Amino acid sequence: EKLGVATAAPKDAKAYIISPKNGDTVSSPVKVVFGLTGAGVAPAGTNIEGTGHHHLLIDDPKVDLTVALPATDQIKHFGKGQTETTLELKPGKHTLQLLFADWKHQPFNPSVTSDKITITVK
């Protein structure tokens, strides 16, 4: 597959955030647990059909779904195939959303994202 060409999403793939729940008030550091059904998790660079890896979008960054995702403070990559993380977040409201992407960090087509949740860090 060529870089820059979106991989078809695994049929029935769904990403979701297991914890925290939408509306939760939490303390920093915040443990975030990723959920996935209908696809497998594999490290970045592993080109196996039906697999990919998670990216966590923090506070709603602008994302171009047609190219590989950059790694920024708001776009966290989990290229080793991690399924949870701990975040240091400032007090206040934050949004979290998972974006599942292919072996080359590119979002699938159609994109596989979780619902966006809002949490409050006290």
N, C-alpha and C. Protein backbone atom coordinates (compact mmCIF):
# COMPACT_ATOMS: atom_id res chain seq x y z
N GLU A 1 0.84 -1.19 0.00
CA GLU A 1 0.00 0.00 0.00
C GLU A 1 0.87 1.23 0.00
N LYS A 2 0.39 2.24 -0.71
CA LYS A 2 1.15 3.48 -0.79
C LYS A 2 0.87 4.36 0.43
N LEU A 3 1.87 5.07 0.85
CA LEU A 3 1.65 6.10 1.87
C LEU A 3 0.67 7.11 1.29
N GLY A 4 -0.17 7.65 2.13
CA GLY A 4 -1.10 8.66 1.68
C GLY A 4 -2.41 8.09 1.16
N VAL A 5 -2.49 6.77 1.00
CA VAL A 5 -3.75 6.17 0.58
C VAL A 5 -4.40 5.54 1.80
N ALA A 6 -5.62 5.95 2.11
CA ALA A 6 -6.28 5.45 3.31
C ALA A 6 -6.58 3.97 3.17
N THR A 7 -6.35 3.23 4.23
CA THR A 7 -6.69 1.81 4.30
C THR A 7 -8.18 1.70 4.62
N ALA A 8 -8.86 0.78 3.96
CA ALA A 8 -10.28 0.57 4.28
C ALA A 8 -10.41 0.13 5.73
N ALA A 9 -11.36 0.68 6.43
CA ALA A 9 -11.55 0.33 7.84
C ALA A 9 -11.97 -1.13 7.98
N PRO A 10 -11.46 -1.81 9.01
CA PRO A 10 -11.95 -3.17 9.27
C PRO A 10 -13.47 -3.12 9.47
N LYS A 11 -14.19 -4.02 8.84
CA LYS A 11 -15.65 -4.05 8.95
C LYS A 11 -16.02 -4.18 10.43
N ASP A 12 -16.98 -3.40 10.87
CA ASP A 12 -17.48 -3.45 12.25
C ASP A 12 -16.49 -2.94 13.30
N ALA A 13 -15.38 -2.33 12.88
CA ALA A 13 -14.45 -1.80 13.88
C ALA A 13 -15.08 -0.63 14.64
N LYS A 14 -14.97 -0.68 15.96
CA LYS A 14 -15.46 0.41 16.79
C LYS A 14 -14.45 0.67 17.90
N ALA A 15 -14.12 1.94 18.08
CA ALA A 15 -13.25 2.35 19.18
C ALA A 15 -14.11 3.03 20.23
N TYR A 16 -13.75 2.85 21.48
CA TYR A 16 -14.49 3.51 22.56
C TYR A 16 -13.55 3.68 23.75
N ILE A 17 -13.91 4.64 24.60
CA ILE A 17 -13.13 4.89 25.80
C ILE A 17 -13.83 4.17 26.95
N ILE A 18 -13.12 3.20 27.56
CA ILE A 18 -13.69 2.42 28.65
C ILE A 18 -13.76 3.29 29.91
N SER A 19 -12.68 4.03 30.14
CA SER A 19 -12.60 4.85 31.34
C SER A 19 -11.65 6.01 31.04
N PRO A 20 -11.91 7.22 31.51
CA PRO A 20 -13.07 7.61 32.32
C PRO A 20 -14.35 7.66 31.48
N LYS A 21 -15.48 7.88 32.14
CA LYS A 21 -16.76 8.00 31.45
C LYS A 21 -17.06 9.47 31.16
N ASN A 22 -17.88 9.68 30.12
CA ASN A 22 -18.30 11.04 29.78
C ASN A 22 -18.92 11.70 31.01
N GLY A 23 -18.46 12.92 31.32
CA GLY A 23 -19.01 13.67 32.44
C GLY A 23 -18.30 13.45 33.76
N ASP A 24 -17.34 12.50 33.81
CA ASP A 24 -16.63 12.23 35.06
C ASP A 24 -15.79 13.44 35.51
N THR A 25 -15.67 13.57 36.82
CA THR A 25 -14.70 14.50 37.41
C THR A 25 -13.56 13.63 37.94
N VAL A 26 -12.35 13.96 37.54
CA VAL A 26 -11.19 13.12 37.85
C VAL A 26 -10.04 13.98 38.38
N SER A 27 -9.04 13.31 38.91
CA SER A 27 -7.82 13.99 39.34
C SER A 27 -6.72 13.66 38.35
N SER A 28 -5.80 14.61 38.14
CA SER A 28 -4.64 14.36 37.29
C SER A 28 -3.56 13.73 38.15
N PRO A 29 -2.78 12.76 37.67
CA PRO A 29 -2.83 12.20 36.31
C PRO A 29 -4.07 11.32 36.10
N VAL A 30 -4.59 11.36 34.86
CA VAL A 30 -5.82 10.67 34.50
C VAL A 30 -5.48 9.40 33.75
N LYS A 31 -5.96 8.27 34.24
CA LYS A 31 -5.76 7.01 33.53
C LYS A 31 -6.88 6.87 32.50
N VAL A 32 -6.49 6.66 31.25
CA VAL A 32 -7.46 6.49 30.16
C VAL A 32 -7.29 5.09 29.61
N VAL A 33 -8.40 4.34 29.56
CA VAL A 33 -8.37 2.96 29.07
C VAL A 33 -9.13 2.90 27.74
N PHE A 34 -8.47 2.35 26.73
CA PHE A 34 -9.01 2.31 25.37
C PHE A 34 -9.73 1.00 25.12
N GLY A 35 -10.86 1.07 24.42
CA GLY A 35 -11.58 -0.13 24.02
C GLY A 35 -11.67 -0.21 22.50
N LEU A 36 -11.77 -1.44 22.01
CA LEU A 36 -11.85 -1.66 20.56
C LEU A 36 -12.56 -2.98 20.31
N THR A 37 -13.50 -2.97 19.38
CA THR A 37 -14.11 -4.21 18.92
C THR A 37 -14.04 -4.25 17.41
N GLY A 38 -14.02 -5.43 16.86
CA GLY A 38 -14.08 -5.59 15.41
C GLY A 38 -12.77 -5.39 14.70
N ALA A 39 -11.68 -5.22 15.44
CA ALA A 39 -10.35 -5.05 14.84
C ALA A 39 -9.31 -5.45 15.88
N GLY A 40 -8.07 -5.60 15.43
CA GLY A 40 -6.99 -5.95 16.33
C GLY A 40 -6.02 -4.80 16.50
N VAL A 41 -5.30 -4.83 17.62
CA VAL A 41 -4.28 -3.81 17.88
C VAL A 41 -2.92 -4.40 17.53
N ALA A 42 -2.15 -3.66 16.75
CA ALA A 42 -0.79 -4.08 16.41
C ALA A 42 0.10 -2.84 16.42
N PRO A 43 1.39 -3.00 16.68
CA PRO A 43 2.27 -1.83 16.69
C PRO A 43 2.31 -1.14 15.32
N ALA A 44 2.59 0.16 15.35
CA ALA A 44 2.76 0.92 14.11
C ALA A 44 3.85 0.24 13.28
N GLY A 45 3.67 0.27 11.97
CA GLY A 45 4.65 -0.35 11.08
C GLY A 45 4.34 -1.82 10.81
N THR A 46 3.36 -2.38 11.53
CA THR A 46 2.96 -3.77 11.32
C THR A 46 1.78 -3.77 10.37
N ASN A 47 2.02 -4.13 9.12
CA ASN A 47 0.97 -4.05 8.09
C ASN A 47 0.23 -5.38 8.01
N ILE A 48 -0.71 -5.56 8.93
CA ILE A 48 -1.54 -6.77 8.94
C ILE A 48 -2.98 -6.32 8.80
N GLU A 49 -3.68 -6.93 7.85
CA GLU A 49 -5.06 -6.54 7.60
C GLU A 49 -5.89 -6.66 8.87
N GLY A 50 -6.77 -5.69 9.08
CA GLY A 50 -7.68 -5.74 10.22
C GLY A 50 -7.07 -5.28 11.53
N THR A 51 -5.87 -4.71 11.47
CA THR A 51 -5.24 -4.20 12.69
C THR A 51 -4.85 -2.74 12.52
N GLY A 52 -4.58 -2.12 13.63
CA GLY A 52 -4.10 -0.74 13.65
C GLY A 52 -3.68 -0.41 15.06
N HIS A 53 -3.54 0.88 15.34
CA HIS A 53 -3.18 1.30 16.69
C HIS A 53 -3.91 2.58 17.04
N HIS A 54 -3.96 2.85 18.34
CA HIS A 54 -4.74 3.98 18.85
C HIS A 54 -3.97 5.30 18.83
N HIS A 55 -4.74 6.36 18.67
CA HIS A 55 -4.27 7.73 18.87
C HIS A 55 -5.32 8.39 19.76
N LEU A 56 -4.88 9.21 20.69
CA LEU A 56 -5.81 9.89 21.58
C LEU A 56 -5.78 11.37 21.25
N LEU A 57 -6.96 11.90 20.93
CA LEU A 57 -7.12 13.32 20.60
C LEU A 57 -7.57 14.04 21.86
N ILE A 58 -6.78 15.01 22.28
CA ILE A 58 -7.04 15.73 23.52
C ILE A 58 -7.47 17.16 23.18
N ASP A 59 -8.63 17.55 23.70
CA ASP A 59 -9.14 18.92 23.51
C ASP A 59 -9.34 19.27 22.04
N ASP A 60 -9.83 18.28 21.27
CA ASP A 60 -10.38 18.53 19.94
C ASP A 60 -9.42 19.19 18.94
N PRO A 61 -8.24 18.59 18.72
CA PRO A 61 -7.34 19.17 17.71
C PRO A 61 -7.94 19.03 16.31
N LYS A 62 -7.53 19.91 15.41
CA LYS A 62 -7.91 19.76 14.01
C LYS A 62 -7.11 18.59 13.45
N VAL A 63 -7.79 17.68 12.79
CA VAL A 63 -7.14 16.49 12.26
C VAL A 63 -7.48 16.35 10.78
N ASP A 64 -6.47 16.15 9.97
CA ASP A 64 -6.67 15.87 8.55
C ASP A 64 -6.71 14.36 8.40
N LEU A 65 -7.90 13.82 8.12
CA LEU A 65 -8.08 12.37 8.06
C LEU A 65 -7.46 11.75 6.81
N THR A 66 -6.90 12.58 5.92
CA THR A 66 -6.36 12.03 4.66
C THR A 66 -4.86 11.82 4.70
N VAL A 67 -4.23 12.17 5.81
CA VAL A 67 -2.77 12.01 5.91
C VAL A 67 -2.39 11.36 7.24
N ALA A 68 -1.16 10.92 7.35
CA ALA A 68 -0.67 10.37 8.61
C ALA A 68 -0.79 11.42 9.71
N LEU A 69 -1.13 10.97 10.90
CA LEU A 69 -1.32 11.90 12.02
C LEU A 69 0.02 12.39 12.55
N PRO A 70 0.12 13.69 12.79
CA PRO A 70 1.34 14.18 13.45
C PRO A 70 1.28 13.81 14.94
N ALA A 71 2.43 13.79 15.59
CA ALA A 71 2.47 13.59 17.04
C ALA A 71 2.60 14.96 17.68
N THR A 72 1.60 15.35 18.46
CA THR A 72 1.61 16.67 19.12
C THR A 72 1.15 16.48 20.56
N ASP A 73 1.11 17.60 21.31
CA ASP A 73 0.60 17.55 22.67
C ASP A 73 -0.87 17.14 22.69
N GLN A 74 -1.59 17.39 21.59
CA GLN A 74 -3.01 17.08 21.53
C GLN A 74 -3.32 15.79 20.78
N ILE A 75 -2.32 15.25 20.07
CA ILE A 75 -2.50 14.00 19.33
C ILE A 75 -1.44 13.04 19.82
N LYS A 76 -1.84 12.17 20.72
CA LYS A 76 -0.91 11.21 21.32
C LYS A 76 -0.94 9.91 20.54
N HIS A 77 0.23 9.42 20.17
CA HIS A 77 0.35 8.18 19.42
C HIS A 77 0.64 7.01 20.37
N PHE A 78 0.02 5.88 20.08
CA PHE A 78 0.27 4.67 20.86
C PHE A 78 0.75 3.59 19.89
N GLY A 79 1.87 3.89 19.28
CA GLY A 79 2.41 3.07 18.20
C GLY A 79 3.00 1.74 18.65
N LYS A 80 3.12 1.53 19.95
CA LYS A 80 3.58 0.22 20.42
C LYS A 80 2.41 -0.72 20.65
N GLY A 81 1.19 -0.24 20.35
CA GLY A 81 0.01 -1.06 20.54
C GLY A 81 -0.59 -0.96 21.94
N GLN A 82 -0.25 0.12 22.65
CA GLN A 82 -0.77 0.28 24.01
C GLN A 82 -2.30 0.43 23.99
N THR A 83 -2.93 -0.03 25.08
CA THR A 83 -4.38 0.09 25.18
C THR A 83 -4.81 0.91 26.40
N GLU A 84 -3.85 1.59 27.01
CA GLU A 84 -4.18 2.55 28.07
C GLU A 84 -3.03 3.52 28.22
N THR A 85 -3.32 4.63 28.89
CA THR A 85 -2.28 5.64 29.12
C THR A 85 -2.63 6.43 30.37
N THR A 86 -1.66 7.19 30.84
CA THR A 86 -1.88 8.11 31.95
C THR A 86 -1.52 9.51 31.46
N LEU A 87 -2.45 10.45 31.62
CA LEU A 87 -2.26 11.81 31.12
C LEU A 87 -2.15 12.80 32.26
N GLU A 88 -1.22 13.74 32.12
CA GLU A 88 -1.19 14.91 33.01
C GLU A 88 -2.05 15.97 32.34
N LEU A 89 -3.15 16.33 32.98
CA LEU A 89 -4.04 17.35 32.42
C LEU A 89 -4.24 18.47 33.43
N LYS A 90 -4.28 19.72 32.94
CA LYS A 90 -4.50 20.87 33.81
C LYS A 90 -5.95 20.84 34.32
N PRO A 91 -6.19 21.46 35.48
CA PRO A 91 -7.56 21.54 35.98
C PRO A 91 -8.48 22.21 34.95
N GLY A 92 -9.72 21.74 34.92
CA GLY A 92 -10.71 22.30 33.99
C GLY A 92 -11.33 21.21 33.13
N LYS A 93 -12.09 21.64 32.13
CA LYS A 93 -12.77 20.70 31.24
C LYS A 93 -11.85 20.30 30.09
N HIS A 94 -11.90 19.02 29.74
CA HIS A 94 -11.11 18.50 28.61
C HIS A 94 -11.96 17.53 27.82
N THR A 95 -11.69 17.45 26.52
CA THR A 95 -12.34 16.41 25.71
C THR A 95 -11.30 15.38 25.32
N LEU A 96 -11.76 14.13 25.25
CA LEU A 96 -10.91 13.02 24.84
C LEU A 96 -11.66 12.24 23.76
N GLN A 97 -10.93 11.81 22.75
CA GLN A 97 -11.52 10.99 21.69
C GLN A 97 -10.43 10.09 21.13
N LEU A 98 -10.79 8.83 20.93
CA LEU A 98 -9.85 7.90 20.30
C LEU A 98 -10.01 7.95 18.79
N LEU A 99 -8.90 7.85 18.11
CA LEU A 99 -8.88 7.72 16.65
C LEU A 99 -7.96 6.54 16.35
N PHE A 100 -8.54 5.50 15.78
CA PHE A 100 -7.81 4.28 15.48
C PHE A 100 -7.25 4.42 14.07
N ALA A 101 -5.97 4.12 13.90
CA ALA A 101 -5.34 4.34 12.60
C ALA A 101 -4.54 3.13 12.17
N ASP A 102 -4.15 3.14 10.91
CA ASP A 102 -3.48 1.98 10.33
C ASP A 102 -1.99 1.96 10.66
N TRP A 103 -1.29 1.02 10.09
CA TRP A 103 0.12 0.79 10.39
C TRP A 103 1.00 1.99 10.12
N LYS A 104 0.54 2.90 9.25
CA LYS A 104 1.35 4.09 8.93
C LYS A 104 0.79 5.35 9.58
N HIS A 105 0.05 5.19 10.67
CA HIS A 105 -0.52 6.31 11.45
C HIS A 105 -1.59 7.06 10.68
N GLN A 106 -2.14 6.45 9.64
CA GLN A 106 -3.16 7.15 8.86
C GLN A 106 -4.54 6.65 9.27
N PRO A 107 -5.48 7.58 9.51
CA PRO A 107 -6.84 7.15 9.84
C PRO A 107 -7.43 6.26 8.75
N PHE A 108 -8.22 5.31 9.17
CA PHE A 108 -8.90 4.44 8.22
C PHE A 108 -9.98 5.23 7.47
N ASN A 109 -10.46 4.65 6.38
CA ASN A 109 -11.57 5.21 5.63
C ASN A 109 -12.66 4.15 5.55
N PRO A 110 -13.85 4.35 6.13
CA PRO A 110 -14.19 5.52 6.96
C PRO A 110 -13.42 5.51 8.28
N SER A 111 -13.32 6.69 8.91
CA SER A 111 -12.52 6.78 10.12
C SER A 111 -13.16 5.99 11.26
N VAL A 112 -12.32 5.44 12.12
CA VAL A 112 -12.76 4.67 13.28
C VAL A 112 -12.45 5.52 14.51
N THR A 113 -13.47 6.17 15.04
CA THR A 113 -13.28 7.05 16.19
C THR A 113 -14.25 6.66 17.30
N SER A 114 -13.87 6.98 18.52
CA SER A 114 -14.80 6.81 19.64
C SER A 114 -15.70 8.02 19.71
N ASP A 115 -16.74 7.91 20.53
CA ASP A 115 -17.49 9.12 20.87
C ASP A 115 -16.52 10.05 21.60
N LYS A 116 -16.73 11.34 21.45
CA LYS A 116 -15.91 12.31 22.17
C LYS A 116 -16.50 12.45 23.57
N ILE A 117 -15.66 12.33 24.59
CA ILE A 117 -16.15 12.52 25.97
C ILE A 117 -15.57 13.79 26.54
N THR A 118 -16.30 14.35 27.51
CA THR A 118 -15.83 15.53 28.23
C THR A 118 -15.65 15.14 29.69
N ILE A 119 -14.48 15.45 30.22
CA ILE A 119 -14.19 15.20 31.63
C ILE A 119 -13.78 16.51 32.28
N THR A 120 -13.90 16.56 33.60
CA THR A 120 -13.44 17.73 34.36
C THR A 120 -12.33 17.26 35.28
N VAL A 121 -11.18 17.93 35.17
CA VAL A 121 -10.06 17.63 36.06
C VAL A 121 -10.12 18.62 37.20
N LYS A 122 -10.15 18.08 38.42
CA LYS A 122 -10.28 19.00 39.59
C LYS A 122 -8.93 19.43 40.10
